Amino acid sequence: MDEEICKHEVNDNLMRVQAGLELTLPLATLNRNCEFRKKYEELNKIRISHNCKNCNILFFGRKMFCCNKCHKAYYQRPEIKAHQKAHWKAYNQRPEVKAHRKAYNQRPEIKAYQKAHKKAYYQRPEIKAHRKAYNQRPEIKAHRKAYNQRPEIKARQKAYYQKIKWMK
């Protein structure tokens, strides 16, 4: 039965398996060739089967996790969260990333979009109710009162009100 499939066809399909492309012949037909079957099994052991990063169960596939539950559980672990936070903090501090973000946010269409959405967001009734409830909390009122009693804040407010009075 090995003579049914030429070596060129076998090698072509093995390269397709490595590249993750579609086979030219059905797998059942190709498995009749002993050379193809042996190399295909070796490739599958190396490339497709591995352990889940979360539960360490052996599974077949190209992903790192056996299921979405493991994916979520893995990224909720404190050490993984800390690692990701450090990684993104370092990334966002790079000068080229800062420059790109600044240039993007300075574009007029982006500014207009952000302004419109920000205004629409704060006009939503549930957001208004949340902000009102937050501002009515005693600790927030006390904090605001303490802030406004600071001498530098009082001086700044006094200067502002005098400026307004002068302008009228």
C-alpha atoms as a PDB file:
ATOM      1  CA  MET A   1       0.000   0.000   0.000  1.00  0.00           C
ATOM      2  CA  ASP A   2       3.011   2.350   0.378  1.00  0.00           C
ATOM      3  CA  GLU A   3       3.240   2.579  -3.403  1.00  0.00           C
ATOM      4  CA  GLU A   4      -0.168   4.286  -3.715  1.00  0.00           C
ATOM      5  CA  ILE A   5       1.188   7.656  -2.556  1.00  0.00           C
ATOM      6  CA  CYS A   6       4.393   9.052  -4.023  1.00  0.00           C
ATOM      7  CA  LYS A   7       7.176  10.424  -1.807  1.00  0.00           C
ATOM      8  CA  HIS A   8       6.631  13.911  -3.176  1.00  0.00           C
ATOM      9  CA  GLU A   9       2.997  13.854  -2.005  1.00  0.00           C
ATOM     10  CA  VAL A  10       4.038  12.545   1.432  1.00  0.00           C
ATOM     11  CA  ASN A  11       6.723  15.221   1.884  1.00  0.00           C
ATOM     12  CA  ASP A  12       4.417  17.963   0.626  1.00  0.00           C
ATOM     13  CA  ASN A  13       1.726  16.987   3.141  1.00  0.00           C
ATOM     14  CA  LEU A  14       4.245  16.715   5.987  1.00  0.00           C
ATOM     15  CA  MET A  15       5.354  20.275   5.247  1.00  0.00           C
ATOM     16  CA  ARG A  16       1.697  21.322   5.234  1.00  0.00           C
ATOM     17  CA  VAL A  17       1.196  19.694   8.656  1.00  0.00           C
ATOM     18  CA  GLN A  18       4.191  21.626  10.038  1.00  0.00           C
ATOM     19  CA  ALA A  19       2.882  24.894   8.584  1.00  0.00           C
ATOM     20  CA  GLY A  20      -0.668  24.225   9.807  1.00  0.00           C
ATOM     21  CA  LEU A  21      -2.105  24.231   6.272  1.00  0.00           C
ATOM     22  CA  GLU A  22      -4.837  22.041   4.798  1.00  0.00           C
ATOM     23  CA  LEU A  23      -3.733  18.625   3.502  1.00  0.00           C
ATOM     24  CA  THR A  24      -3.940  17.812  -0.219  1.00  0.00           C
ATOM     25  CA  LEU A  25      -5.320  14.317   0.454  1.00  0.00           C
ATOM     26  CA  PRO A  26      -7.599  13.005   3.211  1.00  0.00           C
ATOM     27  CA  LEU A  27      -5.743  12.030   6.395  1.00  0.00           C
ATOM     28  CA  ALA A  28      -7.108   8.467   6.191  1.00  0.00           C
ATOM     29  CA  THR A  29      -5.496   8.078   2.750  1.00  0.00           C
ATOM     30  CA  LEU A  30      -2.191   9.540   3.896  1.00  0.00           C
ATOM     31  CA  ASN A  31      -2.131   7.332   6.996  1.00  0.00           C
ATOM     32  CA  ARG A  32      -1.858   4.277   4.764  1.00  0.00           C
ATOM     33  CA  ASN A  33       1.726   5.338   4.098  1.00  0.00           C
ATOM     34  CA  CYS A  34       3.895   4.163   7.021  1.00  0.00           C
ATOM     35  CA  GLU A  35       6.487   6.918   6.546  1.00  0.00           C
ATOM     36  CA  PHE A  36       3.833   9.644   6.633  1.00  0.00           C
ATOM     37  CA  ARG A  37       2.042   8.135   9.650  1.00  0.00           C
ATOM     38  CA  LYS A  38       5.280   7.832  11.676  1.00  0.00           C
ATOM     39  CA  LYS A  39       6.397  11.428  10.974  1.00  0.00           C
ATOM     40  CA  TYR A  40       2.859  12.773  11.465  1.00  0.00           C
ATOM     41  CA  GLU A  41       2.666  11.199  14.928  1.00  0.00           C
ATOM     42  CA  GLU A  42       6.078  12.652  15.840  1.00  0.00           C
ATOM     43  CA  LEU A  43       4.987  16.106  14.695  1.00  0.00           C
ATOM     44  CA  ASN A  44       1.718  15.888  16.628  1.00  0.00           C
ATOM     45  CA  LYS A  45       3.529  14.893  19.819  1.00  0.00           C
ATOM     46  CA  ILE A  46       5.914  17.828  19.449  1.00  0.00           C
ATOM     47  CA  ARG A  47       3.622  20.536  18.122  1.00  0.00           C
ATOM     48  CA  ILE A  48       0.044  19.878  19.151  1.00  0.00           C
ATOM     49  CA  SER A  49      -0.108  18.119  22.517  1.00  0.00           C
ATOM     50  CA  HIS A  50       1.018  19.977  25.608  1.00  0.00           C
ATOM     51  CA  ASN A  51       0.039  20.685  29.210  1.00  0.00           C
ATOM     52  CA  CYS A  52      -2.442  23.344  30.231  1.00  0.00           C
ATOM     53  CA  LYS A  53      -0.642  26.280  31.927  1.00  0.00           C
ATOM     54  CA  ASN A  54      -3.229  26.345  34.708  1.00  0.00           C
ATOM     55  CA  CYS A  55      -4.257  22.771  35.566  1.00  0.00           C
ATOM     56  CA  ASN A  56      -1.311  20.934  33.916  1.00  0.00           C
ATOM     57  CA  ILE A  57      -3.622  18.480  32.095  1.00  0.00           C
ATOM     58  CA  LEU A  58      -2.264  17.113  28.814  1.00  0.00           C
ATOM     59  CA  PHE A  59      -4.492  18.192  25.920  1.00  0.00           C
ATOM     60  CA  PHE A  60      -4.349  18.555  22.162  1.00  0.00           C
ATOM     61  CA  GLY A  61      -4.569  21.952  20.533  1.00  0.00           C
ATOM     62  CA  ARG A  62      -2.569  25.034  19.733  1.00  0.00           C
ATOM     63  CA  LYS A  63      -3.729  27.093  22.722  1.00  0.00           C
ATOM     64  CA  MET A  64      -2.042  27.411  26.134  1.00  0.00           C
ATOM     65  CA  PHE A  65      -5.136  26.419  28.126  1.00  0.00           C
ATOM     66  CA  CYS A  66      -7.495  23.472  27.924  1.00  0.00           C
ATOM     67  CA  CYS A  67     -10.613  25.629  28.515  1.00  0.00           C
ATOM     68  CA  ASN A  68     -11.802  29.198  29.144  1.00  0.00           C
ATOM     69  CA  LYS A  69     -12.186  28.458  32.852  1.00  0.00           C
ATOM     70  CA  CYS A  70      -8.459  27.655  33.115  1.00  0.00           C
ATOM     71  CA  HIS A  71      -7.614  30.735  31.044  1.00  0.00           C
ATOM     72  CA  LYS A  72      -9.523  33.014  33.437  1.00  0.00           C
ATOM     73  CA  ALA A  73      -8.198  31.258  36.540  1.00  0.00           C
ATOM     74  CA  TYR A  74      -4.596  31.561  35.359  1.00  0.00           C
ATOM     75  CA  TYR A  75      -4.801  35.299  34.740  1.00  0.00           C
ATOM     76  CA  GLN A  76      -6.529  35.890  38.104  1.00  0.00           C
ATOM     77  CA  ARG A  77      -3.567  34.475  40.027  1.00  0.00           C
ATOM     78  CA  PRO A  78      -1.805  37.229  42.041  1.00  0.00           C
ATOM     79  CA  GLU A  79       1.692  36.507  40.714  1.00  0.00           C
ATOM     80  CA  ILE A  80       0.455  36.605  37.108  1.00  0.00           C
ATOM     81  CA  LYS A  81      -1.467  39.843  37.737  1.00  0.00           C
ATOM     82  CA  ALA A  82       1.639  41.404  39.321  1.00  0.00           C
ATOM     83  CA  HIS A  83       3.814  40.281  36.406  1.00  0.00           C
ATOM     84  CA  GLN A  84       1.386  41.696  33.840  1.00  0.00           C
ATOM     85  CA  LYS A  85       1.053  44.974  35.741  1.00  0.00           C
ATOM     86  CA  ALA A  86       4.842  45.376  35.865  1.00  0.00           C
ATOM     87  CA  HIS A  87       5.144  44.488  32.182  1.00  0.00           C
ATOM     88  CA  TRP A  88       2.515  46.999  31.034  1.00  0.00           C
ATOM     89  CA  LYS A  89       3.857  49.702  33.340  1.00  0.00           C
ATOM     90  CA  ALA A  90       7.331  49.293  31.838  1.00  0.00           C
ATOM     91  CA  TYR A  91       5.863  49.238  28.331  1.00  0.00           C
ATOM     92  CA  ASN A  92       3.793  52.384  28.865  1.00  0.00           C
ATOM     93  CA  GLN A  93       6.820  54.253  30.278  1.00  0.00           C
ATOM     94  CA  ARG A  94       8.837  53.772  27.081  1.00  0.00           C
ATOM     95  CA  PRO A  95       9.392  57.123  25.309  1.00  0.00           C
ATOM     96  CA  GLU A  96       8.238  55.897  21.893  1.00  0.00           C
ATOM     97  CA  VAL A  97       4.963  54.599  23.382  1.00  0.00           C
ATOM     98  CA  LYS A  98       4.366  57.877  25.225  1.00  0.00           C
ATOM     99  CA  ALA A  99       5.084  59.867  22.066  1.00  0.00           C
ATOM    100  CA  HIS A 100       2.757  57.707  19.980  1.00  0.00           C
ATOM    101  CA  ARG A 101      -0.077  57.977  22.518  1.00  0.00           C
ATOM    102  CA  LYS A 102       0.396  61.754  22.794  1.00  0.00           C
ATOM    103  CA  ALA A 103       0.379  62.184  19.008  1.00  0.00           C
ATOM    104  CA  TYR A 104      -2.739  60.025  18.718  1.00  0.00           C
ATOM    105  CA  ASN A 105      -4.635  61.946  21.403  1.00  0.00           C
ATOM    106  CA  GLN A 106      -3.720  65.320  19.808  1.00  0.00           C
ATOM    107  CA  ARG A 107      -5.504  64.473  16.549  1.00  0.00           C
ATOM    108  CA  PRO A 108      -8.619  66.679  16.176  1.00  0.00           C
ATOM    109  CA  GLU A 109     -10.982  63.809  15.304  1.00  0.00           C
ATOM    110  CA  ILE A 110      -9.851  61.858  18.376  1.00  0.00           C
ATOM    111  CA  LYS A 111     -10.259  64.895  20.630  1.00  0.00           C
ATOM    112  CA  ALA A 112     -13.772  65.480  19.291  1.00  0.00           C
ATOM    113  CA  TYR A 113     -14.698  61.820  19.701  1.00  0.00           C
ATOM    114  CA  GLN A 114     -13.408  61.687  23.288  1.00  0.00           C
ATOM    115  CA  LYS A 115     -15.144  64.938  24.232  1.00  0.00           C
ATOM    116  CA  ALA A 116     -18.492  63.801  22.810  1.00  0.00           C
ATOM    117  CA  HIS A 117     -18.341  60.405  24.514  1.00  0.00           C
ATOM    118  CA  LYS A 118     -17.203  61.848  27.817  1.00  0.00           C
ATOM    119  CA  LYS A 119     -20.111  64.292  27.803  1.00  0.00           C
ATOM    120  CA  ALA A 120     -22.591  61.558  26.846  1.00  0.00           C
ATOM    121  CA  TYR A 121     -21.214  59.254  29.555  1.00  0.00           C
ATOM    122  CA  TYR A 122     -21.664  61.790  32.355  1.00  0.00           C
ATOM    123  CA  GLN A 123     -25.205  62.613  31.177  1.00  0.00           C
ATOM    124  CA  ARG A 124     -26.402  59.039  31.738  1.00  0.00           C
ATOM    125  CA  PRO A 125     -28.852  58.872  34.680  1.00  0.00           C
ATOM    126  CA  GLU A 126     -27.109  55.968  36.429  1.00  0.00           C
ATOM    127  CA  ILE A 127     -23.774  57.823  36.323  1.00  0.00           C
ATOM    128  CA  LYS A 128     -25.399  61.018  37.638  1.00  0.00           C
ATOM    129  CA  ALA A 129     -26.998  59.051  40.486  1.00  0.00           C
ATOM    130  CA  HIS A 130     -23.707  57.322  41.311  1.00  0.00           C
ATOM    131  CA  ARG A 131     -21.776  60.616  41.421  1.00  0.00           C
ATOM    132  CA  LYS A 132     -24.467  62.241  43.554  1.00  0.00           C
ATOM    133  CA  ALA A 133     -24.444  59.323  46.019  1.00  0.00           C
ATOM    134  CA  TYR A 134     -20.640  59.432  46.150  1.00  0.00           C
ATOM    135  CA  ASN A 135     -20.553  63.175  46.849  1.00  0.00           C
ATOM    136  CA  GLN A 136     -23.131  62.794  49.640  1.00  0.00           C
ATOM    137  CA  ARG A 137     -20.973  60.356  51.621  1.00  0.00           C
ATOM    138  CA  PRO A 138     -19.798  61.890  54.937  1.00  0.00           C
ATOM    139  CA  GLU A 139     -16.121  61.002  54.453  1.00  0.00           C
ATOM    140  CA  ILE A 140     -16.112  62.674  51.022  1.00  0.00           C
ATOM    141  CA  LYS A 141     -17.780  65.802  52.411  1.00  0.00           C
ATOM    142  CA  ALA A 142     -15.242  65.901  55.268  1.00  0.00           C
ATOM    143  CA  HIS A 143     -12.338  65.483  52.849  1.00  0.00           C
ATOM    144  CA  ARG A 144     -13.635  68.284  50.599  1.00  0.00           C
ATOM    145  CA  LYS A 145     -14.165  70.577  53.595  1.00  0.00           C
ATOM    146  CA  ALA A 146     -10.647  69.904  54.896  1.00  0.00           C
ATOM    147  CA  TYR A 147      -9.214  70.609  51.442  1.00  0.00           C
ATOM    148  CA  ASN A 148     -11.070  73.928  51.136  1.00  0.00           C
ATOM    149  CA  GLN A 149      -9.862  75.025  54.620  1.00  0.00           C
ATOM    150  CA  ARG A 150      -6.187  74.898  53.585  1.00  0.00           C
ATOM    151  CA  PRO A 151      -4.648  78.413  53.455  1.00  0.00           C
ATOM    152  CA  GLU A 152      -3.268  78.116  49.897  1.00  0.00           C
ATOM    153  CA  ILE A 153      -6.674  76.995  48.614  1.00  0.00           C
ATOM    154  CA  LYS A 154      -8.448  79.832  50.434  1.00  0.00           C
ATOM    155  CA  ALA A 155      -5.983  82.342  48.939  1.00  0.00           C
ATOM    156  CA  ARG A 156      -6.480  80.950  45.433  1.00  0.00           C
ATOM    157  CA  GLN A 157     -10.279  81.084  45.785  1.00  0.00           C
ATOM    158  CA  LYS A 158     -10.143  84.641  47.128  1.00  0.00           C
ATOM    159  CA  ALA A 159      -7.984  85.766  44.196  1.00  0.00           C
ATOM    160  CA  TYR A 160     -10.354  84.086  41.736  1.00  0.00           C
ATOM    161  CA  TYR A 161     -13.445  85.746  43.217  1.00  0.00           C
ATOM    162  CA  GLN A 162     -11.751  89.158  43.234  1.00  0.00           C
ATOM    163  CA  LYS A 163     -10.827  88.691  39.586  1.00  0.00           C
ATOM    164  CA  ILE A 164     -14.432  87.826  38.705  1.00  0.00           C
ATOM    165  CA  LYS A 165     -15.737  90.806  40.723  1.00  0.00           C
ATOM    166  CA  TRP A 166     -13.296  93.116  38.925  1.00  0.00           C
ATOM    167  CA  MET A 167     -14.375  91.783  35.494  1.00  0.00           C
ATOM    168  CA  LYS A 168     -18.058  92.594  36.115  1.00  0.00           C
END
